[in-house]
Amino acid sequence: MDDFVGFSPKEMHAILYSPFKEPCPIKIKKKIAATFLEKIPAFQICKNIINGIAEVDGIKLTKAGNFPPKMVQGIYDKKYIEDRFIESGITKLRSEKDWLPFHSLRIAMDLGGLIRKSKGKVVLTKKCKSYLSNKNDSVLFKEILISYCNKFNWAYNDIYDNQHTGQFGFLFLIHLLLTYYSEPHDLKFFTNKYFNAFPTLQIVEAHDSLSLYTTGDRAVETRFFRRFAEWFGFVDTYVDKSEPYLKRKTMIDAKHILSEVMEYL
């Protein structure tokens, strides 16, 4: 079907309701080279968290149930994913919640059964320990990616009305990136195709008439492109500042690493 950009209704059903599982036509590669895993910021943050826990056999949490600020700051200083508010001094890194990538990935690892709380500490699960002992980073990455996509609610960090926009059908957006990777495209290029396939996920507000983009476009930009695809190293996003402020386009540039992580059946 044209609206599904090459997929049949049956394949689209699998993409939506069985992502990464049979009979979904898009899979995570079983073996991913270490040279590519090293380029995935989100995975490197998770590895630092896991290794930090393993070194001391459990990290004592703060009274609020967060990781110690010193540990969070130490990982942030490695600059895997920078926060513009922290970098500019508007926000100080006092808690893990001040750095969204860390906090979000920590929740995803918890939901995925890789870490757990025990007597005021966060410890590694048996499953996670087995991946470490076997040095199986490909499987560990796959567990983190699946948990972040299928178990963590991407709407957790924002206030957009429809909590499904951007996450429901995320594999369709990945398919678009794999299909149109040869050059950067305007955000609207992807969101138009996404909302053609899933019109009920569009969000339109009164003030949208003043902008190039709808609120739905911005929700997809925030949830999928900036807080998923960019964190995992699949895209670069930037604003074309050659136009007047209200006419500036958000550009999406798919990176080669995506094809090293994903494959079609």
Foldseek 3Di string as FASTA:
>chain_A
DVLLPPDDPVQLVCCQPPNQDPPNFKHWDQDFDPVLCVLFLLLVLVVLVQVVCVVVQWAAADPVRFGQLVSLVVSVVVVSDDDPCCVVVVDPSHTLVVPVSNVLLVVLCCQLQQWDDDPRTIGGDPVNVVCVVVVPSSVVVVSSLCSSLPPGQLCPPDDDDDSPQQRRSLVSLLVVCVVPQPFKDFLCVSVVSVCSNVVVQFAADPVCVQAPDGVSSVVNCVRRVPNPCVSRPQWDWDWDPPDPPRHITIIIHGDPSSVSTMDGD
